[in-house]
Amino acid sequence: MEEPVRKSIQLDLGVISVLEAGPETGMPVVFIHGVPTGAELWRDVLKRAGVAGYRAYAPDMPGYGQTRLHHGGDYSLSGAAECIATWMQAQDIAPAMMVAHDIGGGALQILAARYPELVDQMVFSNAIVGDSWPVTPVKILIWIARMGLLPMVGASGFYRFEPYLNHSLKRTFFNPALASRKYFRERIFFDTKMTAPEGRNAFAAHLKSLHNSQTLAVEQELSDLDVPVLLLWGRNDPFQPWDGPGERLKRIFSHADTQFLDKAGHFLMLDQPDAYAESLLRWLSDETEKSVPGL
């Protein structure tokens, strides 16, 4: 399988960095990551989607990876929704199938409420909703950022050894040994947000701007969206469990399909990459067949 290609797209609000895979003529699928990951979270899924014939995209949200907003840019989830919508419009990527994880689910909810014409299908995986967030480890990161300490913590490398945050990272996996895998730690979880001065400043701006008032504000509007929805959930998530945000999303999207992955935690696409990709792509294919007459 060919590796996804990273592209940087200049927008009026800054530069958005995007991983892309698959044929340019393929139907578009946009993957939105959560905290504290980045577009690299989706690399393996992008490769599989590309092989299946989709044109797959994974943008770094503002504050992550290589996306950089101009001075004074909006690093909140609302700002992320606007950034992704602006990029989709500029690149003519619409309507698209949208897949979101964690707080990326919040960004997708805001985007879909404001720009329903951009969304063709939606998949939420262990995503936030309303005030189901921030969870305690993220609250700690927000506090560190608001105290002005995040650049120092990143530069010192202390985050690599801090007991509570590392324990929390292990808890996100069904198989905690995966939290120690070098690629996951260096490319998915730490990357520029901790290892580069500009990245640390952008991530700090993002953390300081996070507030669940933005997801609460759109929650009532979501039930009006008339698009197919899949809730694809890892059963072993201590932070965004099905018994909570999952069931809350099911009440909002009463028509949603639900699928569960066993032996999968919060990062279900890392715990169970084969099962996750297979479930996702099968559902997307089935929904596409339903929507295209004659297929």
Protein backbone atom coordinates (compact mmCIF):
# COMPACT_ATOMS: atom_id res chain seq x y z
CA MET A 1 0.00 0.00 0.00
CA GLU A 2 1.29 3.45 -0.91
CA GLU A 3 1.97 5.83 1.94
CA PRO A 4 -0.28 8.91 2.27
CA VAL A 5 1.18 12.14 0.92
CA ARG A 6 1.32 15.26 3.09
CA LYS A 7 0.26 18.52 1.47
CA SER A 8 0.16 22.06 2.78
CA ILE A 9 -2.70 24.26 1.57
CA GLN A 10 -2.54 28.03 1.98
CA LEU A 11 -5.81 29.54 3.19
CA ASP A 12 -6.67 33.09 4.23
CA LEU A 13 -6.62 31.96 7.87
CA GLY A 14 -3.24 30.18 7.62
CA VAL A 15 -1.76 26.92 6.39
CA ILE A 16 -3.59 23.63 6.83
CA SER A 17 -1.53 20.44 6.58
CA VAL A 18 -3.32 17.37 5.22
CA LEU A 19 -2.45 13.72 4.68
CA GLU A 20 -3.98 12.43 1.43
CA ALA A 21 -4.29 8.95 -0.04
CA GLY A 22 -6.15 7.18 -2.83
CA PRO A 23 -7.14 8.06 -6.39
CA GLU A 24 -7.98 11.72 -7.02
CA THR A 25 -11.22 10.64 -8.69
CA GLY A 26 -12.34 8.64 -5.66
CA MET A 27 -15.24 9.63 -3.44
CA PRO A 28 -13.93 11.93 -0.67
CA VAL A 29 -13.65 10.81 2.95
CA VAL A 30 -12.37 13.28 5.56
CA PHE A 31 -10.92 11.99 8.85
CA ILE A 32 -10.74 14.31 11.88
CA HIS A 33 -8.50 13.43 14.82
CA GLY A 34 -8.84 14.34 18.48
CA VAL A 35 -6.57 15.26 21.39
CA PRO A 36 -3.64 14.71 21.76
CA THR A 37 -3.07 13.10 18.39
CA GLY A 38 -3.00 14.59 14.86
CA ALA A 39 -3.55 13.51 11.29
CA GLU A 40 -0.99 10.71 11.76
CA LEU A 41 -3.60 8.89 13.85
CA TRP A 42 -5.34 7.98 10.60
CA ARG A 43 -2.33 6.97 8.47
CA ASP A 44 -3.09 3.24 8.30
CA VAL A 45 -6.82 3.83 7.82
CA LEU A 46 -6.06 6.31 5.01
CA LYS A 47 -3.94 3.71 3.22
CA ARG A 48 -6.74 1.16 3.42
CA ALA A 49 -9.35 3.67 2.29
CA GLY A 50 -7.14 4.60 -0.66
CA VAL A 51 -6.79 0.97 -1.70
CA ALA A 52 -10.59 0.69 -1.53
CA GLY A 53 -10.83 3.51 -4.08
CA TYR A 54 -11.68 6.45 -1.84
CA ARG A 55 -9.90 9.78 -1.88
CA ALA A 56 -9.02 9.98 1.81
CA TYR A 57 -7.97 13.13 3.65
CA ALA A 58 -6.79 13.70 7.23
CA PRO A 59 -6.15 17.34 8.17
CA ASP A 60 -4.18 18.42 11.21
CA MET A 61 -6.56 20.54 13.27
CA PRO A 62 -5.23 23.96 14.33
CA GLY A 63 -2.78 23.39 17.18
CA TYR A 64 -1.60 20.03 15.86
CA GLY A 65 0.95 18.64 13.45
CA GLN A 66 1.96 21.11 10.76
CA THR A 67 -1.21 23.23 10.54
CA ARG A 68 -0.49 26.84 11.49
CA LEU A 69 -2.94 29.72 11.78
CA HIS A 70 -2.00 33.35 11.35
CA HIS A 71 -1.40 35.42 14.50
CA GLY A 72 -4.61 35.75 16.48
CA GLY A 73 -6.22 32.73 14.80
CA ASP A 74 -9.02 30.76 16.43
CA TYR A 75 -7.63 27.51 17.87
CA SER A 76 -10.88 26.38 19.49
CA LEU A 77 -13.09 23.55 18.21
CA SER A 78 -15.23 26.18 16.53
CA GLY A 79 -12.10 27.50 14.83
CA ALA A 80 -11.16 23.96 13.79
CA ALA A 81 -14.61 23.49 12.23
CA GLU A 82 -14.22 26.75 10.30
CA CYS A 83 -10.70 25.81 9.19
CA ILE A 84 -11.78 22.41 7.88
CA ALA A 85 -14.89 23.84 6.21
CA THR A 86 -12.84 26.59 4.53
CA TRP A 87 -10.33 24.02 3.28
CA MET A 88 -13.08 21.71 1.98
CA GLN A 89 -14.71 24.59 0.11
CA ALA A 90 -11.41 25.83 -1.32
CA GLN A 91 -10.46 22.34 -2.53
CA ASP A 92 -13.97 21.47 -3.71
CA ILE A 93 -14.14 18.48 -1.33
CA ALA A 94 -17.87 18.37 -0.78
CA PRO A 95 -20.11 16.77 0.05
CA ALA A 96 -17.84 14.31 1.79
CA MET A 97 -18.10 11.33 4.08
CA MET A 98 -16.79 12.51 7.46
CA VAL A 99 -15.15 10.35 10.14
CA ALA A 100 -14.26 11.82 13.54
CA HIS A 101 -12.70 10.68 16.81
CA ASP A 102 -12.59 12.17 20.31
CA ILE A 103 -12.78 16.01 20.25
CA GLY A 104 -12.62 15.78 16.47
CA GLY A 105 -16.20 14.57 16.87
CA GLY A 106 -16.99 17.92 18.47
CA ALA A 107 -15.41 19.78 15.56
CA LEU A 108 -17.47 17.67 13.14
CA GLN A 109 -20.68 18.38 15.08
CA ILE A 110 -20.03 22.12 14.82
CA LEU A 111 -19.11 21.87 11.14
CA ALA A 112 -22.20 19.80 10.30
CA ALA A 113 -24.52 22.17 12.17
CA ARG A 114 -23.09 25.21 10.34
CA TYR A 115 -22.39 23.69 6.92
CA PRO A 116 -24.70 20.70 6.42
CA GLU A 117 -24.14 20.92 2.67
CA LEU A 118 -20.53 19.76 3.17
CA VAL A 119 -21.51 16.51 4.88
CA ASP A 120 -22.73 13.38 3.11
CA GLN A 121 -22.30 10.74 5.84
CA MET A 122 -20.92 10.91 9.38
CA VAL A 123 -19.03 8.38 11.51
CA PHE A 124 -18.28 9.07 15.16
CA SER A 125 -15.77 6.89 17.01
CA ASN A 126 -15.51 7.29 20.80
CA ALA A 127 -16.31 10.95 20.29
CA ILE A 128 -17.24 13.72 22.66
CA VAL A 129 -20.68 15.31 22.75
CA GLY A 130 -22.07 18.22 24.74
CA ASP A 131 -20.31 18.38 28.11
CA SER A 132 -18.84 14.85 28.09
CA TRP A 133 -15.42 16.53 28.01
CA PRO A 134 -12.76 17.55 28.89
CA VAL A 135 -11.67 14.47 30.80
CA THR A 136 -9.24 14.80 33.69
CA PRO A 137 -5.93 14.30 31.76
CA VAL A 138 -7.01 16.96 29.24
CA LYS A 139 -8.08 19.28 32.07
CA ILE A 140 -4.54 19.00 33.41
CA LEU A 141 -3.07 19.87 30.00
CA ILE A 142 -5.45 22.84 29.75
CA TRP A 143 -4.37 24.03 33.20
CA ILE A 144 -0.68 23.68 32.25
CA ALA A 145 -1.31 25.71 29.09
CA ARG A 146 -3.30 28.43 30.85
CA MET A 147 -0.53 28.77 33.43
CA GLY A 148 1.88 29.42 30.57
CA LEU A 149 3.87 26.28 31.38
CA LEU A 150 3.29 24.10 28.32
CA PRO A 151 6.23 25.42 26.23
CA MET A 152 8.57 24.78 29.18
CA VAL A 153 7.14 21.30 29.84
CA GLY A 154 7.55 20.44 26.16
CA ALA A 155 11.08 21.82 25.88
CA SER A 156 12.18 19.99 29.03
CA GLY A 157 10.96 16.62 27.81
CA PHE A 158 9.31 16.07 31.21
CA TYR A 159 6.08 14.96 29.53
CA ARG A 160 7.84 11.77 28.40
CA PHE A 161 8.19 10.60 32.02
CA GLU A 162 5.40 12.34 33.97
CA PRO A 163 3.66 9.44 35.78
CA TYR A 164 0.02 10.50 35.70
CA LEU A 165 -0.16 11.56 32.05
CA ASN A 166 1.72 8.45 30.93
CA HIS A 167 -0.55 6.24 33.02
CA SER A 168 -3.56 7.99 31.49
CA LEU A 169 -2.18 7.40 28.00
CA LYS A 170 -1.83 3.69 28.72
CA ARG A 171 -5.43 3.57 29.94
CA THR A 172 -6.67 4.78 26.56
CA PHE A 173 -5.58 1.45 25.01
CA PHE A 174 -7.05 -1.99 25.58
CA ASN A 175 -3.47 -3.21 25.11
CA PRO A 176 -1.46 -0.74 27.24
CA ALA A 177 1.83 -1.90 25.69
CA LEU A 178 0.84 -0.02 22.54
CA ALA A 179 1.24 3.27 24.44
CA SER A 180 4.99 2.61 24.52
CA ARG A 181 5.32 1.98 20.78
CA LYS A 182 7.80 4.58 19.51
CA TYR A 183 5.87 5.49 16.36
CA PHE A 184 2.67 6.09 18.30
CA ARG A 185 4.39 8.25 20.90
CA GLU A 186 6.67 10.27 18.65
CA ARG A 187 4.54 10.66 15.50
CA ILE A 188 0.98 10.50 16.81
CA PHE A 189 0.97 11.75 20.40
CA PHE A 190 3.98 14.03 20.85
CA ASP A 191 5.07 15.23 17.36
CA THR A 192 5.55 18.99 16.90
CA LYS A 193 3.08 19.85 19.65
CA MET A 194 5.79 18.94 22.15
CA THR A 195 9.03 18.73 20.17
CA ALA A 196 9.10 22.08 18.30
CA PRO A 197 8.79 25.64 19.70
CA GLU A 198 6.19 26.75 17.13
CA GLY A 199 4.23 23.55 17.65
CA ARG A 200 4.25 23.95 21.44
CA ASN A 201 2.93 27.51 21.15
CA ALA A 202 0.17 26.42 18.75
CA PHE A 203 -0.86 23.48 20.97
CA ALA A 204 -0.91 25.76 24.02
CA ALA A 205 -3.17 28.21 22.16
CA HIS A 206 -5.46 25.32 21.26
CA LEU A 207 -5.64 23.98 24.82
CA LYS A 208 -6.36 27.42 26.25
CA SER A 209 -9.26 27.86 23.83
CA LEU A 210 -11.00 24.54 24.57
CA HIS A 211 -14.42 24.80 26.22
CA ASN A 212 -17.43 22.49 26.07
CA SER A 213 -19.80 25.46 25.67
CA GLN A 214 -19.12 25.20 21.93
CA THR A 215 -20.33 21.60 21.67
CA LEU A 216 -23.24 22.23 24.02
CA ALA A 217 -24.32 25.12 21.77
CA VAL A 218 -24.87 22.87 18.72
CA GLU A 219 -26.16 19.71 20.43
CA GLN A 220 -29.85 20.57 19.91
CA GLU A 221 -29.30 21.24 16.19
CA LEU A 222 -27.74 17.87 15.43
CA SER A 223 -30.97 15.89 15.45
CA ASP A 224 -32.16 17.95 12.46
CA LEU A 225 -29.34 16.63 10.25
CA ASP A 226 -30.70 14.22 7.66
CA VAL A 227 -27.59 12.18 6.84
CA PRO A 228 -26.60 8.57 7.53
CA VAL A 229 -24.66 8.19 10.79
CA LEU A 230 -22.55 5.37 12.17
CA LEU A 231 -21.43 5.18 15.79
CA LEU A 232 -18.38 2.91 15.63
CA TRP A 233 -17.25 2.44 19.23
CA GLY A 234 -14.53 0.68 21.17
CA ARG A 235 -16.09 -1.13 24.12
CA ASN A 236 -13.20 -0.61 26.56
CA ASP A 237 -12.91 3.20 26.72
CA PRO A 238 -12.56 4.70 30.21
CA PHE A 239 -12.82 8.30 28.96
CA GLN A 240 -15.59 8.42 26.32
CA PRO A 241 -17.47 5.17 27.02
CA TRP A 242 -20.55 4.03 25.16
CA ASP A 243 -22.47 4.24 28.44
CA GLY A 244 -22.39 8.02 28.38
CA PRO A 245 -21.41 9.93 25.24
CA GLY A 246 -22.16 6.97 22.95
CA GLU A 247 -25.72 6.58 24.18
CA ARG A 248 -26.14 10.36 24.17
CA LEU A 249 -25.18 10.49 20.48
CA LYS A 250 -27.56 7.59 19.82
CA ARG A 251 -30.40 9.61 21.34
CA ILE A 252 -29.49 12.59 19.16
CA PHE A 253 -29.11 10.50 16.00
CA SER A 254 -31.93 8.06 16.60
CA HIS A 255 -31.52 6.65 13.08
CA ALA A 256 -27.80 5.94 13.56
CA ASP A 257 -26.28 2.53 12.98
CA THR A 258 -24.12 1.22 15.82
CA GLN A 259 -21.15 -1.11 15.72
CA PHE A 260 -18.85 -2.12 18.56
CA LEU A 261 -15.28 -3.36 18.60
CA ASP A 262 -14.24 -5.70 21.39
CA LYS A 263 -10.79 -5.46 22.93
CA ALA A 264 -10.61 -1.84 21.80
CA GLY A 265 -10.16 1.21 23.97
CA HIS A 266 -10.36 4.93 23.24
CA PHE A 267 -7.91 4.64 20.35
CA LEU A 268 -9.81 1.80 18.75
CA MET A 269 -8.21 2.37 15.34
CA LEU A 270 -4.82 1.64 16.96
CA ASP A 271 -5.99 -1.22 19.19
CA GLN A 272 -7.87 -2.98 16.38
CA PRO A 273 -6.67 -1.47 13.06
CA ASP A 274 -7.91 -4.28 10.82
CA ALA A 275 -11.33 -4.59 12.42
CA TYR A 276 -11.76 -0.81 12.54
CA ALA A 277 -10.92 -0.28 8.86
CA GLU A 278 -13.04 -3.23 7.75
CA SER A 279 -16.10 -2.08 9.72
CA LEU A 280 -15.75 1.51 8.57
CA LEU A 281 -15.18 0.78 4.88
CA ARG A 282 -17.97 -1.80 4.75
CA TRP A 283 -20.45 0.70 6.17
CA LEU A 284 -19.31 3.49 3.84
CA SER A 285 -19.66 1.14 0.87
CA ASP A 286 -23.13 0.01 1.95
CA GLU A 287 -24.33 3.60 2.42
CA THR A 288 -22.89 4.64 -0.93
CA GLU A 289 -24.77 1.83 -2.66
CA LYS A 290 -28.01 2.92 -1.02
CA SER A 291 -27.56 6.51 -2.20
CA VAL A 292 -26.64 5.78 -5.85
CA PRO A 293 -29.51 4.47 -8.00
CA GLY A 294 -28.68 1.35 -9.99
CA LEU A 295 -25.82 0.15 -7.78
